[in-house]
PDB file of N, CA and C in Angstrom:
ATOM      1  N   MET A   1     100.013 128.258 110.738  1.00  0.00           N
ATOM      2  CA  MET A   1     100.316 126.927 110.054  1.00  0.00           C
ATOM      3  C   MET A   1     100.850 126.741 108.630  1.00  0.00           C
ATOM      4  N   ASN A   2     101.902 126.470 108.174  1.00  0.00           N
ATOM      5  CA  ASN A   2     102.367 125.668 107.215  1.00  0.00           C
ATOM      6  C   ASN A   2     103.616 124.652 107.066  1.00  0.00           C
ATOM      7  N   GLN A   3     102.607 123.336 107.788  1.00  0.00           N
ATOM      8  CA  GLN A   3     103.294 122.029 107.898  1.00  0.00           C
ATOM      9  C   GLN A   3     102.120 121.313 107.010  1.00  0.00           C
ATOM     10  N   ASP A   4     103.067 121.202 106.000  1.00  0.00           N
ATOM     11  CA  ASP A   4     102.232 120.662 104.792  1.00  0.00           C
ATOM     12  C   ASP A   4     103.264 119.406 104.616  1.00  0.00           C
ATOM     13  N   ILE A   5     102.464 117.478 104.238  1.00  0.00           N
ATOM     14  CA  ILE A   5     103.332 116.815 104.558  1.00  0.00           C
ATOM     15  C   ILE A   5     103.669 116.598 103.258  1.00  0.00           C
ATOM     16  N   ALA A   6     104.736 115.967 102.878  1.00  0.00           N
ATOM     17  CA  ALA A   6     105.299 115.726 101.763  1.00  0.00           C
ATOM     18  C   ALA A   6     104.998 114.942 100.841  1.00  0.00           C
ATOM     19  N   GLN A   7     104.491 114.654  99.677  1.00  0.00           N
ATOM     20  CA  GLN A   7     103.699 113.718  99.038  1.00  0.00           C
ATOM     21  C   GLN A   7     103.909 112.346  99.556  1.00  0.00           C
ATOM     22  N   GLY A   8     105.248 111.791  99.184  1.00  0.00           N
ATOM     23  CA  GLY A   8     105.819 110.545 100.172  1.00  0.00           C
ATOM     24  C   GLY A   8     105.283 109.517 101.543  1.00  0.00           C
ATOM     25  N   LYS A   9     105.016 110.989 102.288  1.00  0.00           N
ATOM     26  CA  LYS A   9     105.378 110.805 103.669  1.00  0.00           C
ATOM     27  C   LYS A   9     103.373 110.791 104.005  1.00  0.00           C
ATOM     28  N   TRP A  10     102.971 111.512 103.051  1.00  0.00           N
ATOM     29  CA  TRP A  10     101.272 111.647 103.323  1.00  0.00           C
ATOM     30  C   TRP A  10     101.126 110.587 103.086  1.00  0.00           C
ATOM     31  N   GLU A  11     100.745 109.590 101.992  1.00  0.00           N
ATOM     32  CA  GLU A  11     100.896 108.531 101.100  1.00  0.00           C
ATOM     33  C   GLU A  11     101.401 106.794 102.586  1.00  0.00           C
ATOM     34  N   GLN A  12     101.899 107.615 103.460  1.00  0.00           N
ATOM     35  CA  GLN A  12     102.367 106.448 104.496  1.00  0.00           C
ATOM     36  C   GLN A  12     101.130 106.296 105.343  1.00  0.00           C
ATOM     37  N   ILE A  13     100.707 107.988 105.453  1.00  0.00           N
ATOM     38  CA  ILE A  13     100.152 108.182 107.073  1.00  0.00           C
ATOM     39  C   ILE A  13      98.938 108.416 106.926  1.00  0.00           C
ATOM     40  N   LYS A  14      98.187 108.053 105.255  1.00  0.00           N
ATOM     41  CA  LYS A  14      96.677 108.337 105.464  1.00  0.00           C
ATOM     42  C   LYS A  14      95.778 107.042 106.365  1.00  0.00           C
ATOM     43  N   GLY A  15      96.350 105.966 106.286  1.00  0.00           N
ATOM     44  CA  GLY A  15      95.380 105.230 107.262  1.00  0.00           C
ATOM     45  C   GLY A  15      95.484 105.566 108.404  1.00  0.00           C
ATOM     46  N   SER A  16      96.434 106.404 108.532  1.00  0.00           N
ATOM     47  CA  SER A  16      96.455 107.208 110.355  1.00  0.00           C
ATOM     48  C   SER A  16      95.734 108.274 110.330  1.00  0.00           C
ATOM     49  N   VAL A  17      95.324 108.955 109.062  1.00  0.00           N
ATOM     50  CA  VAL A  17      94.422 110.029 109.245  1.00  0.00           C
ATOM     51  C   VAL A  17      93.196 109.227 109.364  1.00  0.00           C
ATOM     52  N   LYS A  18      92.309 108.270 108.732  1.00  0.00           N
ATOM     53  CA  LYS A  18      91.197 107.282 108.308  1.00  0.00           C
ATOM     54  C   LYS A  18      91.258 106.563 109.973  1.00  0.00           C
ATOM     55  N   GLU A  19      92.146 106.636 110.490  1.00  0.00           N
ATOM     56  CA  GLU A  19      91.615 105.450 112.423  1.00  0.00           C
ATOM     57  C   GLU A  19      91.402 106.568 112.843  1.00  0.00           C
ATOM     58  N   LYS A  20      92.331 108.027 112.803  1.00  0.00           N
ATOM     59  CA  LYS A  20      92.264 109.026 114.410  1.00  0.00           C
ATOM     60  C   LYS A  20      90.751 109.558 113.567  1.00  0.00           C
ATOM     61  N   TRP A  21      90.515 109.918 112.321  1.00  0.00           N
ATOM     62  CA  TRP A  21      89.235 111.183 112.510  1.00  0.00           C
ATOM     63  C   TRP A  21      88.681 109.940 111.109  1.00  0.00           C
ATOM     64  N   GLY A  22      88.008 108.838 111.672  1.00  0.00           N
ATOM     65  CA  GLY A  22      87.225 107.680 111.206  1.00  0.00           C
ATOM     66  C   GLY A  22      85.750 108.546 109.959  1.00  0.00           C
ATOM     67  N   ASP A  23      85.546 109.416 110.395  1.00  0.00           N
ATOM     68  CA  ASP A  23      84.406 109.555 109.230  1.00  0.00           C
ATOM     69  C   ASP A  23      84.843 110.627 108.279  1.00  0.00           C
ATOM     70  N   LEU A  24      85.941 110.585 107.854  1.00  0.00           N
ATOM     71  CA  LEU A  24      86.660 111.218 107.085  1.00  0.00           C
ATOM     72  C   LEU A  24      86.202 110.018 105.577  1.00  0.00           C
ATOM     73  N   THR A  25      85.990 110.402 104.720  1.00  0.00           N
ATOM     74  CA  THR A  25      85.318 109.798 103.325  1.00  0.00           C
ATOM     75  C   THR A  25      87.010 110.121 102.631  1.00  0.00           C
ATOM     76  N   ASP A  26      87.245 108.555 101.711  1.00  0.00           N
ATOM     77  CA  ASP A  26      88.595 108.967 101.040  1.00  0.00           C
ATOM     78  C   ASP A  26      88.272 109.885  99.968  1.00  0.00           C
ATOM     79  N   ASP A  27      87.300 110.103  99.622  1.00  0.00           N
ATOM     80  CA  ASP A  27      87.329 111.778  99.144  1.00  0.00           C
ATOM     81  C   ASP A  27      88.449 112.564  99.956  1.00  0.00           C
ATOM     82  N   ASP A  28      87.800 112.669 101.008  1.00  0.00           N
ATOM     83  CA  ASP A  28      87.736 113.581 101.773  1.00  0.00           C
ATOM     84  C   ASP A  28      89.779 113.756 102.013  1.00  0.00           C
ATOM     85  N   ILE A  29      90.270 112.800 102.219  1.00  0.00           N
ATOM     86  CA  ILE A  29      91.604 112.034 102.252  1.00  0.00           C
ATOM     87  C   ILE A  29      92.526 112.490 101.204  1.00  0.00           C
ATOM     88  N   ALA A  30      91.785 112.499 100.169  1.00  0.00           N
ATOM     89  CA  ALA A  30      92.095 113.167  98.694  1.00  0.00           C
ATOM     90  C   ALA A  30      92.247 114.301  98.548  1.00  0.00           C
ATOM     91  N   GLN A  31      91.365 114.915  99.267  1.00  0.00           N
ATOM     92  CA  GLN A  31      91.508 116.288  99.139  1.00  0.00           C
ATOM     93  C   GLN A  31      92.195 117.247  99.892  1.00  0.00           C
ATOM     94  N   VAL A  32      92.728 116.419 101.185  1.00  0.00           N
ATOM     95  CA  VAL A  32      93.528 116.940 101.825  1.00  0.00           C
ATOM     96  C   VAL A  32      94.905 116.984 101.549  1.00  0.00           C
ATOM     97  N   ASN A  33      95.425 115.840 100.416  1.00  0.00           N
ATOM     98  CA  ASN A  33      96.573 115.324 100.082  1.00  0.00           C
ATOM     99  C   ASN A  33      97.765 115.849 100.755  1.00  0.00           C
ATOM    100  N   GLY A  34      97.931 115.511 101.897  1.00  0.00           N
ATOM    101  CA  GLY A  34      98.779 116.555 102.698  1.00  0.00           C
ATOM    102  C   GLY A  34      98.796 117.961 103.106  1.00  0.00           C
ATOM    103  N   ASN A  35      98.200 118.648 102.715  1.00  0.00           N
ATOM    104  CA  ASN A  35      97.793 120.078 102.773  1.00  0.00           C
ATOM    105  C   ASN A  35      97.229 120.055 104.202  1.00  0.00           C
ATOM    106  N   ALA A  36      97.723 121.161 105.116  1.00  0.00           N
ATOM    107  CA  ALA A  36      97.507 121.329 106.783  1.00  0.00           C
ATOM    108  C   ALA A  36      96.247 122.352 106.872  1.00  0.00           C
ATOM    109  N   GLN A  37      96.238 123.355 106.121  1.00  0.00           N
ATOM    110  CA  GLN A  37      94.899 124.032 105.936  1.00  0.00           C
ATOM    111  C   GLN A  37      93.845 123.099 105.202  1.00  0.00           C
ATOM    112  N   LYS A  38      93.766 122.402 104.235  1.00  0.00           N
ATOM    113  CA  LYS A  38      93.077 121.742 103.510  1.00  0.00           C
ATOM    114  C   LYS A  38      91.950 121.000 104.940  1.00  0.00           C
ATOM    115  N   MET A  39      93.298 120.237 105.758  1.00  0.00           N
ATOM    116  CA  MET A  39      92.315 119.207 107.138  1.00  0.00           C
ATOM    117  C   MET A  39      91.892 119.596 108.229  1.00  0.00           C
ATOM    118  N   CYS A  40      92.324 121.204 108.245  1.00  0.00           N
ATOM    119  CA  CYS A  40      91.572 122.143 109.203  1.00  0.00           C
ATOM    120  C   CYS A  40      90.111 122.086 108.434  1.00  0.00           C
ATOM    121  N   GLY A  41      90.103 122.891 107.432  1.00  0.00           N
ATOM    122  CA  GLY A  41      88.829 122.820 107.061  1.00  0.00           C
ATOM    123  C   GLY A  41      87.811 122.057 106.643  1.00  0.00           C
ATOM    124  N   ILE A  42      88.385 120.967 106.622  1.00  0.00           N
ATOM    125  CA  ILE A  42      87.214 119.172 107.131  1.00  0.00           C
ATOM    126  C   ILE A  42      86.874 119.100 108.325  1.00  0.00           C
ATOM    127  N   LEU A  43      88.227 119.370 108.640  1.00  0.00           N
ATOM    128  CA  LEU A  43      87.560 118.750 110.806  1.00  0.00           C
ATOM    129  C   LEU A  43      87.005 119.952 110.913  1.00  0.00           C
ATOM    130  N   GLN A  44      86.215 120.617 110.376  1.00  0.00           N
ATOM    131  CA  GLN A  44      85.700 122.238 110.687  1.00  0.00           C
ATOM    132  C   GLN A  44      84.336 121.410 110.529  1.00  0.00           C
ATOM    133  N   GLU A  45      84.043 120.956 108.956  1.00  0.00           N
ATOM    134  CA  GLU A  45      83.074 120.696 108.603  1.00  0.00           C
ATOM    135  C   GLU A  45      82.684 119.396 108.867  1.00  0.00           C
ATOM    136  N   LYS A  46      83.340 118.622 109.191  1.00  0.00           N
ATOM    137  CA  LYS A  46      83.221 117.247 109.303  1.00  0.00           C
ATOM    138  C   LYS A  46      82.337 116.963 110.920  1.00  0.00           C
ATOM    139  N   TYR A  47      83.677 117.557 111.732  1.00  0.00           N
ATOM    140  CA  TYR A  47      83.218 117.708 112.957  1.00  0.00           C
ATOM    141  C   TYR A  47      82.936 118.772 113.857  1.00  0.00           C
ATOM    142  N   GLY A  48      82.391 119.625 113.081  1.00  0.00           N
ATOM    143  CA  GLY A  48      81.999 121.145 113.711  1.00  0.00           C
ATOM    144  C   GLY A  48      82.869 120.957 114.259  1.00  0.00           C
ATOM    145  N   ARG A  49      84.458 121.271 114.370  1.00  0.00           N
ATOM    146  CA  ARG A  49      85.096 122.105 115.127  1.00  0.00           C
ATOM    147  C   ARG A  49      85.696 123.499 115.181  1.00  0.00           C
ATOM    148  N   ARG A  50      85.987 124.528 116.108  1.00  0.00           N
ATOM    149  CA  ARG A  50      86.551 125.920 115.630  1.00  0.00           C
ATOM    150  C   ARG A  50      87.472 125.752 115.093  1.00  0.00           C
ATOM    151  N   ARG A  51      87.604 126.959 114.195  1.00  0.00           N
ATOM    152  CA  ARG A  51      89.243 126.634 113.538  1.00  0.00           C
ATOM    153  C   ARG A  51      90.635 126.260 114.727  1.00  0.00           C
ATOM    154  N   GLU A  52      90.615 127.061 115.764  1.00  0.00           N
ATOM    155  CA  GLU A  52      91.235 126.875 116.373  1.00  0.00           C
ATOM    156  C   GLU A  52      91.531 125.537 117.311  1.00  0.00           C
ATOM    157  N   ASP A  53      90.689 124.887 117.628  1.00  0.00           N
ATOM    158  CA  ASP A  53      90.387 123.748 117.554  1.00  0.00           C
ATOM    159  C   ASP A  53      91.026 122.698 116.665  1.00  0.00           C
ATOM    160  N   ALA A  54      90.439 123.029 115.370  1.00  0.00           N
ATOM    161  CA  ALA A  54      90.978 121.632 114.385  1.00  0.00           C
ATOM    162  C   ALA A  54      92.669 122.051 113.921  1.00  0.00           C
ATOM    163  N   GLU A  55      92.895 123.412 114.470  1.00  0.00           N
ATOM    164  CA  GLU A  55      94.264 123.625 113.873  1.00  0.00           C
ATOM    165  C   GLU A  55      95.537 122.980 114.877  1.00  0.00           C
ATOM    166  N   ARG A  56      95.022 122.796 116.213  1.00  0.00           N
ATOM    167  CA  ARG A  56      95.754 122.287 117.376  1.00  0.00           C
ATOM    168  C   ARG A  56      95.996 120.747 116.966  1.00  0.00           C
ATOM    169  N   GLU A  57      94.541 119.657 116.468  1.00  0.00           N
ATOM    170  CA  GLU A  57      94.442 118.654 116.245  1.00  0.00           C
ATOM    171  C   GLU A  57      95.294 118.321 115.626  1.00  0.00           C
ATOM    172  N   VAL A  58      95.555 119.133 114.061  1.00  0.00           N
ATOM    173  CA  VAL A  58      95.948 118.885 112.830  1.00  0.00           C
ATOM    174  C   VAL A  58      97.755 118.575 113.326  1.00  0.00           C
ATOM    175  N   ASN A  59      98.160 119.953 113.861  1.00  0.00           N
ATOM    176  CA  ASN A  59      99.253 120.658 114.038  1.00  0.00           C
ATOM    177  C   ASN A  59      99.739 118.990 115.121  1.00  0.00           C
ATOM    178  N   ASP A  60      98.990 119.380 116.190  1.00  0.00           N
ATOM    179  CA  ASP A  60      99.493 117.694 117.045  1.00  0.00           C
ATOM    180  C   ASP A  60      99.525 116.603 116.489  1.00  0.00           C
ATOM    181  N   PHE A  61      98.493 116.087 115.066  1.00  0.00           N
ATOM    182  CA  PHE A  61      99.124 114.673 114.577  1.00  0.00           C
ATOM    183  C   PHE A  61     100.589 114.708 114.195  1.00  0.00           C
ATOM    184  N   TRP A  62     100.188 115.866 113.204  1.00  0.00           N
ATOM    185  CA  TRP A  62     101.665 116.310 112.388  1.00  0.00           C
ATOM    186  C   TRP A  62     102.775 116.361 112.931  1.00  0.00           C
ATOM    187  N   ALA A  63     102.896 116.527 114.439  1.00  0.00           N
ATOM    188  CA  ALA A  63     103.865 116.295 114.946  1.00  0.00           C
ATOM    189  C   ALA A  63     104.087 114.719 115.501  1.00  0.00           C
ATOM    190  N   GLU A  64     103.354 114.539 115.830  1.00  0.00           N
ATOM    191  CA  GLU A  64     103.122 112.686 116.304  1.00  0.00           C
ATOM    192  C   GLU A  64     103.547 111.840 115.013  1.00  0.00           C
ATOM    193  N   GLN A  65     103.089 112.032 114.080  1.00  0.00           N
ATOM    194  CA  GLN A  65     103.616 111.808 112.495  1.00  0.00           C
ATOM    195  C   GLN A  65     105.017 111.406 112.277  1.00  0.00           C
ATOM    196  N   ASN A  66     105.953 112.740 112.865  1.00  0.00           N
ATOM    197  CA  ASN A  66     106.808 113.452 112.442  1.00  0.00           C
ATOM    198  C   ASN A  66     108.017 112.770 113.244  1.00  0.00           C
ATOM    199  N   ARG A  67     107.059 112.310 114.245  1.00  0.00           N
ATOM    200  CA  ARG A  67     107.659 111.460 115.904  1.00  0.00           C
ATOM    201  C   ARG A  67     108.335 109.893 115.515  1.00  0.00           C
ATOM    202  N   LEU A  68     107.635 109.521 114.414  1.00  0.00           N
ATOM    203  CA  LEU A  68     107.765 107.820 114.180  1.00  0.00           C
ATOM    204  C   LEU A  68     108.468 107.647 113.732  1.00  0.00           C
TER     205      LEU A  68
END
């Protein structure tokens, strides 16, 4: 997975991230900073997701955001 979000786009979608994954803190979101790998790691940690499941969730989310 190499789907990093450009900084400008990341600033726009941070609210959508918070809506989708409500347990993420502002610090978690700041850590991600558009990096898909970091997002997967945080989802694994916060939600107990398997790596494959976290990657699928993040890929689906990124794809959805790119369609908007």
